[in-house]
C-alpha atoms as a PDB file:
ATOM      1  CA  MET A   1     197.978 -42.854  41.613  1.00  0.00           C
ATOM      2  CA  ILE A   2     196.407 -45.997  43.021  1.00  0.00           C
ATOM      3  CA  THR A   3     197.655 -48.614  45.455  1.00  0.00           C
ATOM      4  CA  LYS A   4     196.056 -51.868  46.567  1.00  0.00           C
ATOM      5  CA  ALA A   5     196.060 -52.443  50.329  1.00  0.00           C
ATOM      6  CA  ALA A   6     194.939 -54.908  53.005  1.00  0.00           C
ATOM      7  CA  ILE A   7     193.051 -52.817  55.572  1.00  0.00           C
ATOM      8  CA  LEU A   8     191.976 -53.486  59.151  1.00  0.00           C
ATOM      9  CA  TYR A   9     188.471 -52.061  59.588  1.00  0.00           C
ATOM     10  CA  GLN A  10     187.320 -53.979  62.663  1.00  0.00           C
ATOM     11  CA  ILE A  11     189.050 -55.893  65.442  1.00  0.00           C
ATOM     12  CA  ASN A  12     188.825 -59.685  65.027  1.00  0.00           C
ATOM     13  CA  LYS A  13     187.658 -59.380  61.429  1.00  0.00           C
ATOM     14  CA  PRO A  14     189.458 -60.347  58.204  1.00  0.00           C
ATOM     15  CA  LEU A  15     191.445 -57.665  56.434  1.00  0.00           C
ATOM     16  CA  LEU A  16     189.700 -56.123  53.430  1.00  0.00           C
ATOM     17  CA  ILE A  17     191.641 -55.617  50.222  1.00  0.00           C
ATOM     18  CA  GLU A  18     190.813 -52.363  48.467  1.00  0.00           C
ATOM     19  CA  GLU A  19     192.232 -49.827  46.066  1.00  0.00           C
ATOM     20  CA  LEU A  20     193.285 -46.540  47.652  1.00  0.00           C
ATOM     21  CA  VAL A  21     194.393 -43.196  46.289  1.00  0.00           C
ATOM     22  CA  LEU A  22     197.991 -42.348  47.159  1.00  0.00           C
ATOM     23  CA  PRO A  23     198.503 -38.985  48.862  1.00  0.00           C
ATOM     24  CA  GLU A  24     201.017 -36.411  47.689  1.00  0.00           C
ATOM     25  CA  LEU A  25     204.370 -36.900  49.362  1.00  0.00           C
ATOM     26  CA  GLN A  26     205.173 -34.643  52.279  1.00  0.00           C
ATOM     27  CA  ALA A  27     208.703 -33.528  53.059  1.00  0.00           C
ATOM     28  CA  GLY A  28     210.668 -36.503  54.339  1.00  0.00           C
ATOM     29  CA  GLN A  29     208.401 -39.144  52.785  1.00  0.00           C
ATOM     30  CA  VAL A  30     209.226 -41.717  50.115  1.00  0.00           C
ATOM     31  CA  LEU A  31     206.951 -43.647  47.758  1.00  0.00           C
ATOM     32  CA  VAL A  32     208.041 -47.288  47.572  1.00  0.00           C
ATOM     33  CA  LYS A  33     206.779 -50.017  45.269  1.00  0.00           C
ATOM     34  CA  ILE A  34     206.571 -52.921  47.702  1.00  0.00           C
ATOM     35  CA  ALA A  35     208.074 -56.186  46.504  1.00  0.00           C
ATOM     36  CA  TYR A  36     207.572 -58.385  49.586  1.00  0.00           C
ATOM     37  CA  SER A  37     206.082 -57.848  53.023  1.00  0.00           C
ATOM     38  CA  GLY A  38     206.571 -59.993  56.090  1.00  0.00           C
ATOM     39  CA  ILE A  39     203.805 -60.976  58.517  1.00  0.00           C
ATOM     40  CA  CYS A  40     204.524 -61.456  62.197  1.00  0.00           C
ATOM     41  CA  HIS A  41     202.754 -61.732  65.535  1.00  0.00           C
ATOM     42  CA  SER A  42     202.716 -57.959  65.971  1.00  0.00           C
ATOM     43  CA  GLN A  43     200.107 -57.840  63.213  1.00  0.00           C
ATOM     44  CA  LEU A  44     198.146 -60.638  64.891  1.00  0.00           C
ATOM     45  CA  ASN A  45     198.115 -58.600  68.097  1.00  0.00           C
ATOM     46  CA  GLU A  46     196.766 -55.588  66.218  1.00  0.00           C
ATOM     47  CA  ILE A  47     194.122 -57.592  64.396  1.00  0.00           C
ATOM     48  CA  HIS A  48     192.857 -59.041  67.686  1.00  0.00           C
ATOM     49  CA  GLY A  49     193.106 -55.776  69.614  1.00  0.00           C
ATOM     50  CA  LEU A  50     195.609 -57.200  72.083  1.00  0.00           C
ATOM     51  CA  LYS A  51     197.593 -53.965  72.251  1.00  0.00           C
ATOM     52  CA  GLY A  52     194.674 -52.097  73.773  1.00  0.00           C
ATOM     53  CA  GLU A  53     192.219 -49.638  72.271  1.00  0.00           C
ATOM     54  CA  ASP A  54     192.864 -48.982  68.586  1.00  0.00           C
ATOM     55  CA  ARG A  55     192.106 -45.305  67.981  1.00  0.00           C
ATOM     56  CA  PHE A  56     193.246 -45.336  64.367  1.00  0.00           C
ATOM     57  CA  LEU A  57     190.768 -47.699  62.734  1.00  0.00           C
ATOM     58  CA  PRO A  58     190.531 -48.150  59.813  1.00  0.00           C
ATOM     59  CA  HIS A  59     194.235 -48.417  59.048  1.00  0.00           C
ATOM     60  CA  THR A  60     196.898 -50.224  57.066  1.00  0.00           C
ATOM     61  CA  LEU A  61     199.261 -52.808  58.545  1.00  0.00           C
ATOM     62  CA  GLY A  62     202.729 -54.295  58.091  1.00  0.00           C
ATOM     63  CA  HIS A  63     206.101 -53.224  59.420  1.00  0.00           C
ATOM     64  CA  GLU A  64     208.789 -55.083  57.457  1.00  0.00           C
ATOM     65  CA  GLY A  65     209.366 -55.462  53.763  1.00  0.00           C
ATOM     66  CA  SER A  66     211.426 -54.707  50.698  1.00  0.00           C
ATOM     67  CA  GLY A  67     210.846 -52.662  47.598  1.00  0.00           C
ATOM     68  CA  ILE A  68     212.004 -50.117  45.046  1.00  0.00           C
ATOM     69  CA  VAL A  69     211.869 -46.338  45.455  1.00  0.00           C
ATOM     70  CA  GLU A  70     209.486 -44.683  42.969  1.00  0.00           C
ATOM     71  CA  SER A  71     209.616 -41.068  44.126  1.00  0.00           C
ATOM     72  CA  ILE A  72     210.907 -38.966  46.997  1.00  0.00           C
ATOM     73  CA  GLY A  73     209.565 -35.991  48.915  1.00  0.00           C
ATOM     74  CA  LYS A  74     211.285 -32.713  49.600  1.00  0.00           C
ATOM     75  CA  GLY A  75     214.444 -32.964  51.664  1.00  0.00           C
ATOM     76  CA  VAL A  76     214.941 -36.715  51.299  1.00  0.00           C
ATOM     77  CA  LYS A  77     218.664 -37.472  50.914  1.00  0.00           C
ATOM     78  CA  LYS A  78     218.962 -41.051  52.121  1.00  0.00           C
ATOM     79  CA  VAL A  79     217.548 -42.725  48.994  1.00  0.00           C
ATOM     80  CA  LYS A  80     216.883 -41.883  45.360  1.00  0.00           C
ATOM     81  CA  VAL A  81     214.501 -43.093  42.681  1.00  0.00           C
ATOM     82  CA  GLY A  82     215.330 -46.636  41.604  1.00  0.00           C
ATOM     83  CA  ASP A  83     217.078 -47.633  44.829  1.00  0.00           C
ATOM     84  CA  HIS A  84     216.299 -51.032  46.328  1.00  0.00           C
ATOM     85  CA  VAL A  85     215.400 -50.698  49.994  1.00  0.00           C
ATOM     86  CA  VAL A  86     214.530 -52.576  53.157  1.00  0.00           C
ATOM     87  CA  LEU A  87     211.525 -51.191  55.047  1.00  0.00           C
ATOM     88  CA  THR A  88     211.804 -51.506  58.824  1.00  0.00           C
ATOM     89  CA  TRP A  89     209.796 -50.350  61.830  1.00  0.00           C
ATOM     90  CA  ILE A  90     213.059 -49.607  63.641  1.00  0.00           C
ATOM     91  CA  LYS A  91     213.991 -45.956  63.324  1.00  0.00           C
ATOM     92  CA  GLY A  92     217.209 -45.083  61.523  1.00  0.00           C
ATOM     93  CA  SER A  93     218.637 -41.851  60.148  1.00  0.00           C
ATOM     94  CA  GLY A  94     216.583 -39.405  58.117  1.00  0.00           C
ATOM     95  CA  ALA A  95     213.319 -37.540  58.531  1.00  0.00           C
ATOM     96  CA  ASP A  96     210.773 -38.975  60.964  1.00  0.00           C
ATOM     97  CA  VAL A  97     207.264 -38.470  59.526  1.00  0.00           C
ATOM     98  CA  SER A  98     204.816 -40.160  61.842  1.00  0.00           C
ATOM     99  CA  SER A  99     201.880 -40.840  59.558  1.00  0.00           C
ATOM    100  CA  ALA A 100     200.323 -40.893  56.111  1.00  0.00           C
ATOM    101  CA  THR A 101     196.681 -40.846  55.051  1.00  0.00           C
ATOM    102  CA  TYR A 102     195.204 -42.641  52.048  1.00  0.00           C
ATOM    103  CA  LYS A 103     191.816 -41.963  50.479  1.00  0.00           C
ATOM    104  CA  ARG A 104     189.132 -44.401  49.375  1.00  0.00           C
ATOM    105  CA  ASN A 105     187.165 -43.884  46.176  1.00  0.00           C
ATOM    106  CA  ASP A 106     184.202 -42.599  48.216  1.00  0.00           C
ATOM    107  CA  GLY A 107     186.381 -39.865  49.721  1.00  0.00           C
ATOM    108  CA  SER A 108     186.771 -41.389  53.197  1.00  0.00           C
ATOM    109  CA  PHE A 109     190.233 -41.741  54.709  1.00  0.00           C
ATOM    110  CA  ILE A 110     192.397 -44.694  55.740  1.00  0.00           C
ATOM    111  CA  ASN A 111     195.050 -44.082  58.375  1.00  0.00           C
ATOM    112  CA  SER A 112     198.606 -45.287  58.115  1.00  0.00           C
ATOM    113  CA  GLY A 113     201.781 -44.935  60.145  1.00  0.00           C
ATOM    114  CA  ALA A 114     205.348 -44.012  59.346  1.00  0.00           C
ATOM    115  CA  ILE A 115     205.625 -47.462  57.774  1.00  0.00           C
ATOM    116  CA  ALA A 116     203.052 -49.875  56.337  1.00  0.00           C
ATOM    117  CA  THR A 117     203.828 -52.779  54.026  1.00  0.00           C
ATOM    118  CA  PHE A 118     200.543 -54.560  53.275  1.00  0.00           C
ATOM    119  CA  LEU A 119     200.241 -52.370  50.166  1.00  0.00           C
ATOM    120  CA  THR A 120     201.476 -52.587  46.587  1.00  0.00           C
ATOM    121  CA  LYS A 121     202.764 -49.019  46.851  1.00  0.00           C
ATOM    122  CA  ALA A 122     203.296 -47.269  50.170  1.00  0.00           C
ATOM    123  CA  VAL A 123     204.269 -43.860  51.523  1.00  0.00           C
ATOM    124  CA  ILE A 124     207.113 -44.427  53.991  1.00  0.00           C
ATOM    125  CA  SER A 125     209.010 -42.137  56.352  1.00  0.00           C
ATOM    126  CA  GLU A 126     212.625 -41.672  55.250  1.00  0.00           C
ATOM    127  CA  ASN A 127     214.011 -42.982  58.548  1.00  0.00           C
ATOM    128  CA  ARG A 128     212.281 -46.365  58.070  1.00  0.00           C
ATOM    129  CA  LEU A 129     214.270 -47.144  54.914  1.00  0.00           C
ATOM    130  CA  VAL A 130     217.725 -48.615  54.335  1.00  0.00           C
ATOM    131  CA  ARG A 131     219.236 -48.765  50.867  1.00  0.00           C
ATOM    132  CA  ILE A 132     220.628 -52.160  49.837  1.00  0.00           C
ATOM    133  CA  PRO A 133     222.674 -53.316  46.830  1.00  0.00           C
ATOM    134  CA  LYS A 134     220.627 -54.521  43.865  1.00  0.00           C
ATOM    135  CA  LYS A 135     222.345 -57.906  43.952  1.00  0.00           C
ATOM    136  CA  MET A 136     220.568 -58.574  47.252  1.00  0.00           C
ATOM    137  CA  PRO A 137     217.337 -60.474  46.391  1.00  0.00           C
ATOM    138  CA  LEU A 138     214.258 -58.512  47.454  1.00  0.00           C
ATOM    139  CA  ARG A 139     212.596 -61.738  48.628  1.00  0.00           C
ATOM    140  CA  GLU A 140     215.177 -62.395  51.341  1.00  0.00           C
ATOM    141  CA  ALA A 141     215.705 -58.677  51.957  1.00  0.00           C
ATOM    142  CA  ALA A 142     212.171 -58.411  53.360  1.00  0.00           C
ATOM    143  CA  LEU A 143     213.314 -60.406  56.415  1.00  0.00           C
ATOM    144  CA  LEU A 144     215.821 -57.699  57.283  1.00  0.00           C
ATOM    145  CA  GLY A 145     213.081 -55.298  58.368  1.00  0.00           C
ATOM    146  CA  CYS A 146     212.094 -57.074  61.592  1.00  0.00           C
ATOM    147  CA  ALA A 147     212.803 -60.792  61.967  1.00  0.00           C
ATOM    148  CA  ILE A 148     216.563 -60.656  61.553  1.00  0.00           C
ATOM    149  CA  PRO A 149     217.263 -57.286  63.231  1.00  0.00           C
ATOM    150  CA  THR A 150     215.235 -58.366  66.255  1.00  0.00           C
ATOM    151  CA  GLY A 151     216.125 -62.063  66.548  1.00  0.00           C
ATOM    152  CA  ALA A 152     219.719 -61.940  65.401  1.00  0.00           C
ATOM    153  CA  GLY A 153     220.113 -58.528  67.018  1.00  0.00           C
ATOM    154  CA  ILE A 154     219.281 -59.980  70.439  1.00  0.00           C
ATOM    155  CA  VAL A 155     222.108 -62.484  69.996  1.00  0.00           C
ATOM    156  CA  MET A 156     224.647 -60.068  68.547  1.00  0.00           C
ATOM    157  CA  ASN A 157     223.799 -56.759  70.208  1.00  0.00           C
ATOM    158  CA  THR A 158     221.703 -57.305  73.325  1.00  0.00           C
ATOM    159  CA  LEU A 159     223.395 -60.431  74.668  1.00  0.00           C
ATOM    160  CA  ARG A 160     226.653 -60.496  72.715  1.00  0.00           C
ATOM    161  CA  VAL A 161     226.561 -64.281  72.836  1.00  0.00           C
ATOM    162  CA  GLN A 162     229.991 -65.854  73.325  1.00  0.00           C
ATOM    163  CA  PRO A 163     231.434 -68.946  71.619  1.00  0.00           C
ATOM    164  CA  ASP A 164     230.743 -72.267  73.386  1.00  0.00           C
ATOM    165  CA  SER A 165     227.984 -70.695  75.508  1.00  0.00           C
ATOM    166  CA  SER A 166     224.511 -72.160  76.035  1.00  0.00           C
ATOM    167  CA  VAL A 167     221.327 -70.568  74.662  1.00  0.00           C
ATOM    168  CA  ALA A 168     217.662 -71.506  75.134  1.00  0.00           C
ATOM    169  CA  ILE A 169     215.188 -70.066  72.627  1.00  0.00           C
ATOM    170  CA  PHE A 170     211.495 -70.138  73.576  1.00  0.00           C
ATOM    171  CA  GLY A 171     209.234 -69.818  70.526  1.00  0.00           C
ATOM    172  CA  ILE A 172     210.530 -70.910  67.126  1.00  0.00           C
ATOM    173  CA  GLY A 173     208.821 -68.414  64.862  1.00  0.00           C
ATOM    174  CA  GLY A 174     210.520 -65.791  62.718  1.00  0.00           C
ATOM    175  CA  ILE A 175     212.247 -64.089  65.660  1.00  0.00           C
ATOM    176  CA  GLY A 176     213.256 -67.362  67.302  1.00  0.00           C
ATOM    177  CA  LEU A 177     214.634 -68.840  64.087  1.00  0.00           C
ATOM    178  CA  SER A 178     216.580 -65.642  63.419  1.00  0.00           C
ATOM    179  CA  ALA A 179     218.056 -65.833  66.917  1.00  0.00           C
ATOM    180  CA  LEU A 180     218.921 -69.479  66.320  1.00  0.00           C
ATOM    181  CA  LEU A 181     220.752 -68.665  63.091  1.00  0.00           C
ATOM    182  CA  ALA A 182     222.733 -65.963  64.850  1.00  0.00           C
ATOM    183  CA  ALA A 183     223.549 -68.164  67.847  1.00  0.00           C
ATOM    184  CA  LYS A 184     224.974 -70.768  65.501  1.00  0.00           C
ATOM    185  CA  LEU A 185     226.902 -68.051  63.651  1.00  0.00           C
ATOM    186  CA  LYS A 186     228.390 -66.854  66.959  1.00  0.00           C
ATOM    187  CA  GLY A 187     229.526 -70.375  67.837  1.00  0.00           C
ATOM    188  CA  ALA A 188     227.210 -71.178  70.761  1.00  0.00           C
ATOM    189  CA  GLY A 189     227.920 -74.716  71.975  1.00  0.00           C
ATOM    190  CA  ILE A 190     224.415 -75.601  73.189  1.00  0.00           C
ATOM    191  CA  ILE A 191     221.339 -74.238  71.410  1.00  0.00           C
ATOM    192  CA  ILE A 192     218.044 -75.468  72.853  1.00  0.00           C
ATOM    193  CA  ALA A 193     214.856 -74.782  70.860  1.00  0.00           C
ATOM    194  CA  ILE A 194     211.572 -74.885  72.803  1.00  0.00           C
ATOM    195  CA  ASP A 195     208.151 -74.812  71.131  1.00  0.00           C
ATOM    196  CA  ILE A 196     204.821 -76.665  71.163  1.00  0.00           C
ATOM    197  CA  HIS A 197     204.818 -77.532  67.439  1.00  0.00           C
ATOM    198  CA  ASP A 198     206.861 -80.499  66.210  1.00  0.00           C
ATOM    199  CA  LEU A 199     207.062 -78.983  62.712  1.00  0.00           C
ATOM    200  CA  LYS A 200     208.808 -75.898  64.042  1.00  0.00           C
ATOM    201  CA  LEU A 201     211.138 -77.978  66.193  1.00  0.00           C
ATOM    202  CA  ALA A 202     212.109 -80.055  63.176  1.00  0.00           C
ATOM    203  CA  GLN A 203     212.912 -76.816  61.376  1.00  0.00           C
ATOM    204  CA  ALA A 204     214.978 -75.679  64.362  1.00  0.00           C
ATOM    205  CA  THR A 205     217.099 -78.818  64.043  1.00  0.00           C
ATOM    206  CA  GLN A 206     217.768 -77.961  60.402  1.00  0.00           C
ATOM    207  CA  PHE A 207     218.843 -74.486  61.494  1.00  0.00           C
ATOM    208  CA  GLY A 208     221.425 -75.831  63.940  1.00  0.00           C
ATOM    209  CA  ALA A 209     219.640 -76.422  67.257  1.00  0.00           C
ATOM    210  CA  THR A 210     221.586 -78.994  69.277  1.00  0.00           C
ATOM    211  CA  HIS A 211     218.517 -79.924  71.361  1.00  0.00           C
ATOM    212  CA  ILE A 212     214.755 -79.560  70.904  1.00  0.00           C
ATOM    213  CA  VAL A 213     211.988 -79.665  73.499  1.00  0.00           C
ATOM    214  CA  ASN A 214     208.255 -79.848  72.855  1.00  0.00           C
ATOM    215  CA  ALA A 215     206.875 -77.947  75.844  1.00  0.00           C
ATOM    216  CA  ALA A 216     203.405 -79.407  75.251  1.00  0.00           C
ATOM    217  CA  LYS A 217     204.735 -82.930  75.816  1.00  0.00           C
ATOM    218  CA  ARG A 218     207.663 -82.512  78.225  1.00  0.00           C
ATOM    219  CA  ASP A 219     208.592 -80.426  81.261  1.00  0.00           C
ATOM    220  CA  ALA A 220     210.732 -77.933  79.366  1.00  0.00           C
ATOM    221  CA  LEU A 221     212.492 -76.519  82.427  1.00  0.00           C
ATOM    222  CA  SER A 222     213.496 -79.975  83.636  1.00  0.00           C
ATOM    223  CA  GLU A 223     214.742 -80.814  80.142  1.00  0.00           C
ATOM    224  CA  ILE A 224     216.870 -77.652  79.994  1.00  0.00           C
ATOM    225  CA  LEU A 225     218.347 -78.287  83.436  1.00  0.00           C
ATOM    226  CA  GLY A 226     219.092 -81.861  82.432  1.00  0.00           C
ATOM    227  CA  ILE A 227     220.890 -80.754  79.279  1.00  0.00           C
ATOM    228  CA  THR A 228     223.005 -78.266  81.270  1.00  0.00           C
ATOM    229  CA  ASN A 229     223.716 -80.566  84.260  1.00  0.00           C
ATOM    230  CA  ASN A 230     221.399 -78.487  86.481  1.00  0.00           C
ATOM    231  CA  ARG A 231     223.441 -75.360  85.830  1.00  0.00           C
ATOM    232  CA  GLY A 232     220.971 -73.529  83.600  1.00  0.00           C
ATOM    233  CA  VAL A 233     221.753 -71.759  80.346  1.00  0.00           C
ATOM    234  CA  ASP A 234     223.913 -68.702  79.895  1.00  0.00           C
ATOM    235  CA  TYR A 235     221.245 -66.974  77.821  1.00  0.00           C
ATOM    236  CA  ALA A 236     217.499 -67.393  77.300  1.00  0.00           C
ATOM    237  CA  ILE A 237     215.469 -65.665  74.587  1.00  0.00           C
ATOM    238  CA  GLU A 238     211.682 -65.590  74.853  1.00  0.00           C
ATOM    239  CA  SER A 239     209.850 -64.896  71.594  1.00  0.00           C
ATOM    240  CA  ALA A 240     206.677 -66.933  72.080  1.00  0.00           C
ATOM    241  CA  GLY A 241     204.774 -64.141  73.817  1.00  0.00           C
ATOM    242  CA  LYS A 242     203.274 -66.341  76.537  1.00  0.00           C
ATOM    243  CA  THR A 243     203.222 -65.770  80.299  1.00  0.00           C
ATOM    244  CA  GLY A 244     204.423 -69.291  81.064  1.00  0.00           C
ATOM    245  CA  SER A 245     207.292 -69.233  78.587  1.00  0.00           C
ATOM    246  CA  MET A 246     208.473 -65.838  79.842  1.00  0.00           C
ATOM    247  CA  GLU A 247     208.553 -67.038  83.430  1.00  0.00           C
ATOM    248  CA  MET A 248     210.227 -70.308  82.458  1.00  0.00           C
ATOM    249  CA  ALA A 249     212.828 -68.517  80.332  1.00  0.00           C
ATOM    250  CA  PHE A 250     213.908 -66.519  83.386  1.00  0.00           C
ATOM    251  CA  GLN A 251     213.973 -69.647  85.537  1.00  0.00           C
ATOM    252  CA  SER A 252     216.111 -71.455  82.959  1.00  0.00           C
ATOM    253  CA  VAL A 253     219.138 -69.135  83.098  1.00  0.00           C
ATOM    254  CA  ARG A 254     222.025 -69.879  85.424  1.00  0.00           C
ATOM    255  CA  ASN A 255     222.836 -68.072  88.638  1.00  0.00           C
ATOM    256  CA  ASN A 256     225.729 -65.598  88.681  1.00  0.00           C
ATOM    257  CA  GLY A 257     225.206 -63.909  85.327  1.00  0.00           C
ATOM    258  CA  GLY A 258     222.607 -65.786  83.303  1.00  0.00           C
ATOM    259  CA  ILE A 259     220.562 -63.351  81.191  1.00  0.00           C
ATOM    260  CA  CYS A 260     216.966 -63.704  80.003  1.00  0.00           C
ATOM    261  CA  VAL A 261     215.721 -61.439  77.185  1.00  0.00           C
ATOM    262  CA  ILE A 262     211.979 -60.992  76.689  1.00  0.00           C
ATOM    263  CA  ALA A 263     211.092 -60.328  73.040  1.00  0.00           C
ATOM    264  CA  GLY A 264     207.518 -61.665  72.947  1.00  0.00           C
ATOM    265  CA  ASN A 265     204.425 -59.525  73.453  1.00  0.00           C
ATOM    266  CA  LEU A 266     201.731 -60.269  76.011  1.00  0.00           C
ATOM    267  CA  PRO A 267     198.197 -58.916  75.564  1.00  0.00           C
ATOM    268  CA  LYS A 268     197.683 -55.557  77.234  1.00  0.00           C
ATOM    269  CA  GLY A 269     196.965 -55.997  80.950  1.00  0.00           C
ATOM    270  CA  GLU A 270     198.744 -59.346  81.377  1.00  0.00           C
ATOM    271  CA  TYR A 271     201.795 -59.655  83.631  1.00  0.00           C
ATOM    272  CA  ILE A 272     204.491 -62.145  84.577  1.00  0.00           C
ATOM    273  CA  SER A 273     205.758 -63.143  88.014  1.00  0.00           C
ATOM    274  CA  ILE A 274     209.349 -63.861  89.014  1.00  0.00           C
ATOM    275  CA  ASN A 275     211.047 -64.811  92.253  1.00  0.00           C
ATOM    276  CA  PRO A 276     213.011 -61.703  93.306  1.00  0.00           C
ATOM    277  CA  PHE A 277     215.502 -63.860  95.173  1.00  0.00           C
ATOM    278  CA  ALA A 278     216.673 -65.134  91.790  1.00  0.00           C
ATOM    279  CA  LEU A 279     217.895 -61.589  91.097  1.00  0.00           C
ATOM    280  CA  ILE A 280     219.979 -61.709  94.260  1.00  0.00           C
ATOM    281  CA  GLU A 281     221.422 -64.998  93.016  1.00  0.00           C
ATOM    282  CA  GLY A 282     222.651 -63.149  89.942  1.00  0.00           C
ATOM    283  CA  LYS A 283     220.032 -63.944  87.311  1.00  0.00           C
ATOM    284  CA  GLN A 284     219.170 -61.045  85.018  1.00  0.00           C
ATOM    285  CA  ILE A 285     216.058 -60.247  83.005  1.00  0.00           C
ATOM    286  CA  THR A 286     215.746 -57.545  80.374  1.00  0.00           C
ATOM    287  CA  GLY A 287     213.678 -56.490  77.397  1.00  0.00           C
ATOM    288  CA  THR A 288     214.729 -55.592  73.891  1.00  0.00           C
ATOM    289  CA  TRP A 289     213.808 -52.942  71.349  1.00  0.00           C
ATOM    290  CA  GLY A 290     214.328 -54.497  67.942  1.00  0.00           C
ATOM    291  CA  GLY A 291     217.427 -56.331  69.084  1.00  0.00           C
ATOM    292  CA  GLU A 292     219.049 -52.962  69.866  1.00  0.00           C
ATOM    293  CA  SER A 293     219.640 -52.726  66.135  1.00  0.00           C
ATOM    294  CA  LEU A 294     220.870 -49.643  64.328  1.00  0.00           C
ATOM    295  CA  PRO A 295     219.289 -50.212  60.884  1.00  0.00           C
ATOM    296  CA  ASP A 296     221.753 -48.141  58.873  1.00  0.00           C
ATOM    297  CA  LYS A 297     224.657 -50.087  60.388  1.00  0.00           C
ATOM    298  CA  ASP A 298     223.230 -53.541  61.023  1.00  0.00           C
ATOM    299  CA  ILE A 299     221.093 -54.210  57.920  1.00  0.00           C
ATOM    300  CA  PRO A 300     224.071 -53.776  55.535  1.00  0.00           C
ATOM    301  CA  LYS A 301     226.006 -56.149  57.817  1.00  0.00           C
ATOM    302  CA  TYR A 302     223.308 -58.816  57.422  1.00  0.00           C
ATOM    303  CA  VAL A 303     223.259 -58.250  53.660  1.00  0.00           C
ATOM    304  CA  LYS A 304     227.005 -58.958  53.523  1.00  0.00           C
ATOM    305  CA  LEU A 305     226.573 -62.091  55.646  1.00  0.00           C
ATOM    306  CA  PHE A 306     223.851 -63.339  53.289  1.00  0.00           C
ATOM    307  CA  LEU A 307     225.765 -62.573  50.099  1.00  0.00           C
ATOM    308  CA  SER A 308     228.857 -64.311  51.494  1.00  0.00           C
ATOM    309  CA  GLY A 309     226.826 -67.429  52.266  1.00  0.00           C
ATOM    310  CA  ARG A 310     227.195 -67.172  56.043  1.00  0.00           C
ATOM    311  CA  LEU A 311     223.565 -66.253  56.805  1.00  0.00           C
ATOM    312  CA  ASP A 312     221.010 -68.530  55.133  1.00  0.00           C
ATOM    313  CA  LEU A 313     217.883 -66.396  54.920  1.00  0.00           C
ATOM    314  CA  LYS A 314     216.232 -68.612  52.309  1.00  0.00           C
ATOM    315  CA  LYS A 315     215.500 -71.323  54.884  1.00  0.00           C
ATOM    316  CA  LEU A 316     213.692 -68.796  57.081  1.00  0.00           C
ATOM    317  CA  ILE A 317     210.882 -68.344  54.570  1.00  0.00           C
ATOM    318  CA  SER A 318     208.149 -70.926  55.159  1.00  0.00           C
ATOM    319  CA  GLN A 319     205.703 -69.826  52.459  1.00  0.00           C
ATOM    320  CA  VAL A 320     205.046 -66.971  50.038  1.00  0.00           C
ATOM    321  CA  HIS A 321     201.462 -65.865  49.293  1.00  0.00           C
ATOM    322  CA  ASN A 322     199.891 -63.279  47.024  1.00  0.00           C
ATOM    323  CA  LEU A 323     198.098 -60.338  48.622  1.00  0.00           C
ATOM    324  CA  GLU A 324     194.665 -61.833  47.910  1.00  0.00           C
ATOM    325  CA  TYR A 325     195.505 -64.742  50.234  1.00  0.00           C
ATOM    326  CA  ILE A 326     196.761 -62.615  53.112  1.00  0.00           C
ATOM    327  CA  ASN A 327     193.937 -63.614  55.471  1.00  0.00           C
ATOM    328  CA  GLU A 328     194.644 -67.307  54.878  1.00  0.00           C
ATOM    329  CA  ALA A 329     198.321 -66.693  55.582  1.00  0.00           C
ATOM    330  CA  ILE A 330     197.458 -64.874  58.810  1.00  0.00           C
ATOM    331  CA  CYS A 331     195.309 -67.817  59.943  1.00  0.00           C
ATOM    332  CA  LYS A 332     198.120 -70.286  59.254  1.00  0.00           C
ATOM    333  CA  LEU A 333     200.592 -68.151  61.174  1.00  0.00           C
ATOM    334  CA  GLU A 334     198.190 -67.930  64.107  1.00  0.00           C
ATOM    335  CA  LYS A 335     197.821 -71.716  64.202  1.00  0.00           C
ATOM    336  CA  GLY A 336     201.583 -72.128  64.388  1.00  0.00           C
ATOM    337  CA  GLU A 337     201.816 -73.684  60.946  1.00  0.00           C
ATOM    338  CA  LEU A 338     204.336 -71.174  59.583  1.00  0.00           C
ATOM    339  CA  GLY A 339     207.670 -69.718  60.654  1.00  0.00           C
ATOM    340  CA  ARG A 340     208.137 -66.643  58.485  1.00  0.00           C
ATOM    341  CA  VAL A 341     205.613 -66.002  55.727  1.00  0.00           C
ATOM    342  CA  LEU A 342     205.982 -63.367  53.024  1.00  0.00           C
ATOM    343  CA  ILE A 343     203.381 -61.602  50.911  1.00  0.00           C
ATOM    344  CA  ASP A 344     204.457 -61.171  47.304  1.00  0.00           C
ATOM    345  CA  MET A 345     203.077 -57.844  46.138  1.00  0.00           C
ATOM    346  CA  SER A 346     204.208 -58.133  42.531  1.00  0.00           C
ATOM    347  CA  GLY A 347     201.075 -59.932  41.329  1.00  0.00           C
ATOM    348  CA  ALA A 348     198.530 -57.836  43.234  1.00  0.00           C
END
C-alpha cells in the first residue's frame, strides 16, 4: 500500500512530497486515512532546526489531525475499522508505540514518530487516537489534536479561569485563539489580545477579545496596566514563543496570585529573565504540557461543546490548502498571515 507524504530531508529546506510504501502494522498501531492535518509553530521549529540537532532526518511531520481508521494492529481495542478519529500528539490510553518506518521506492527508509499527519495515510500509535462521533465534521475535528487541547486546556485545566477575571493572551495564533475562545466561554470579564499583526488582532476582536494591543506599535505592558488600573491581570498566557513576550507576560500579572503560563517555544539555547522579587510579591509562572489535557476525557468534551454550538471551531480555521501547497502554507504561517491552517488530504 502507498501513501503520499510531505517529508523533511534537510533543515531550512522545503518539504518534499513523495510516495512511500506503508509498513505492516505492529501490535498497537493503527492505519488511518488522514482527512485533515493542522500546521503549527512546532513544525516550523522542526523545519528550521530550532529544537536542536535532528537525528532522525529524513522524517515525516505533523502532530494533529483527523481521519478514518482503515486497519488495526494486534491488540488494538480503542478503535475499530471505520471509526472517525482525532489524531493528537498528547498521549492518551492504549498502546504506546514510539515510531514507524516508511520505505521509498528505492528501498531507503523514512523515519516517523508515534504520530505524523502530513500524509494521506499514516501509521499511528493507538494512544494518539481518540474516537469521535461521525456527526462531528472531520474538518473542525482536526483542531482538537493540538490547538484546542493546548489553548483551551490552559484556560480550563491549567489556570481554571474564573468568571469576571482578567486574561492577557500574548500571540494570537492557533493556541492563542483557542485560549481566547475558552476564556470567553468561561466568562472572563477582561480579555486582552496582544500581537504584532493587525489582521490577527482584528480576528481576536471577532472571537471576543475586549481589548487588543499591537505590541509593535504600543508599549503592551503599559497598555495592560492601564486597562487594569495598574493592578495587572489575573492570568497571562504566552503563546508567541518570543523572549520579550514571555518576560512581559510574567510582568503583566498581578501581585498576590497572578499566574503566567508559558506555552510558546523558544529556540534551543535561548532563555528568559525574570525578577525573582516578583515571586516574593506573589506572582507565579508555570509551563504547560498540552494544556494538561487528558485526550480521552477532554476531546469528547470539546466535541460536545462544538455540536451544541457553544464552541465555534469554524472561525478558527484561516485557510485550507491541498497537500501540494503545504510549503506555501508554511511560509504564510511563518509570516504571521494565518491563524490556524489545515491541509486537506482528500485530494492528494
